[in-house]
Protein backbone atom coordinates (compact mmCIF):
# COMPACT_ATOMS: atom_id res chain seq x y z
CA UNK A 1 85.25 90.94 68.44
CA UNK A 2 87.86 92.76 66.47
CA UNK A 3 87.86 96.52 66.30
CA UNK A 4 89.64 97.55 63.12
CA UNK A 5 91.02 93.98 62.87
CA UNK A 6 92.83 94.28 66.23
CA UNK A 7 92.51 91.35 68.58
CA UNK A 8 91.59 92.29 72.12
CA UNK A 9 94.25 91.09 74.53
CA UNK A 10 95.67 91.77 77.96
CA UNK A 11 97.99 94.76 78.05
CA UNK A 12 96.20 96.82 75.40
CA UNK A 13 95.70 100.49 76.32
CA UNK A 14 92.12 101.72 75.79
CA UNK A 15 89.74 104.48 76.91
CA UNK A 16 87.09 103.88 79.58
CA UNK A 17 83.99 106.17 79.46
CA UNK A 18 83.28 107.59 82.94
CA UNK A 19 80.55 110.16 82.33
CA UNK A 20 77.85 111.19 79.91
CA UNK A 21 79.98 114.22 78.99
CA UNK A 22 82.36 111.69 77.41
CA UNK A 23 84.97 112.01 80.14
CA UNK A 24 87.37 109.22 79.19
CA UNK A 25 90.20 107.77 81.27
CA UNK A 26 93.07 105.66 79.96
CA UNK A 27 92.92 102.03 81.02
CA UNK A 28 94.77 98.78 80.47
CA UNK A 29 92.97 95.54 79.68
CA UNK A 30 93.90 93.06 82.41
CA UNK A 31 91.54 90.16 81.54
CA UNK A 32 89.60 89.40 78.37
CA UNK A 33 86.39 87.47 78.91
CA UNK A 34 85.01 87.52 75.35
CA UNK A 35 86.46 88.39 71.95
CA UNK A 36 82.88 88.54 70.58
CA UNK A 37 81.57 91.26 72.93
CA UNK A 38 84.88 92.75 74.06
CA UNK A 39 83.91 92.07 77.67
CA UNK A 40 87.08 92.71 79.69
CA UNK A 41 88.36 93.72 83.11
CA UNK A 42 90.21 97.06 83.05
CA UNK A 43 92.70 98.85 85.30
CA UNK A 44 91.66 102.51 85.00
CA UNK A 45 94.26 105.22 85.57
CA UNK A 46 93.48 108.12 87.93
CA UNK A 47 93.38 111.75 86.85
CA UNK A 48 95.08 113.11 89.98
CA UNK A 49 98.18 112.09 91.90
CA UNK A 50 96.23 111.39 95.09
CA UNK A 51 93.79 109.03 93.36
CA UNK A 52 94.50 105.33 92.93
CA UNK A 53 94.07 103.11 89.94
CA UNK A 54 90.77 101.28 90.04
CA UNK A 55 89.77 97.94 88.58
CA UNK A 56 86.44 97.72 86.76
CA UNK A 57 85.08 94.33 85.84
CA UNK A 58 83.10 93.00 82.88
CA UNK A 59 83.25 96.17 80.79
CA UNK A 60 81.91 95.87 77.23
CA UNK A 61 83.45 97.32 74.07
CA UNK A 62 81.48 100.10 72.36
CA UNK A 63 83.26 101.56 69.37
CA UNK A 64 80.33 103.63 68.14
CA UNK A 65 78.30 105.59 70.66
CA UNK A 66 80.92 105.79 73.42
CA UNK A 67 78.27 104.70 75.94
CA UNK A 68 78.70 105.21 79.67
CA UNK A 69 80.83 102.56 81.43
CA UNK A 70 82.12 100.98 78.22
CA UNK A 71 85.56 100.98 76.63
CA UNK A 72 86.82 101.85 73.15
CA UNK A 73 90.17 102.07 71.39
CA UNK A 74 91.99 105.35 71.97
CA UNK A 75 90.92 107.77 69.25
CA UNK A 76 94.35 108.55 67.84
CA UNK A 77 95.47 104.96 67.97
CA UNK A 78 92.53 103.16 66.37
CA UNK A 79 94.69 102.05 63.44
CA UNK A 80 97.77 101.11 65.49
CA UNK A 81 96.51 99.58 68.72
CA UNK A 82 98.26 96.73 70.44
CA UNK A 83 100.42 95.32 67.65
């Protein structure tokens, strides 16, 4: 699984899709399970100071539809992600 020829690896910053209204949260990949499907564990950043980071497990890559509970490369960084 290579989105725009970028290998998926721990430490990459991505977007996690939280709602059908395409509410995305920044997240860091903390474990890669599959390069083929992009299945990874993510640490998702909160949107308020009082919230805590949450870990979501076995999240699949979806670069096209931006489906609910999937991750994708950050829109502005699709060409320069995780060098």
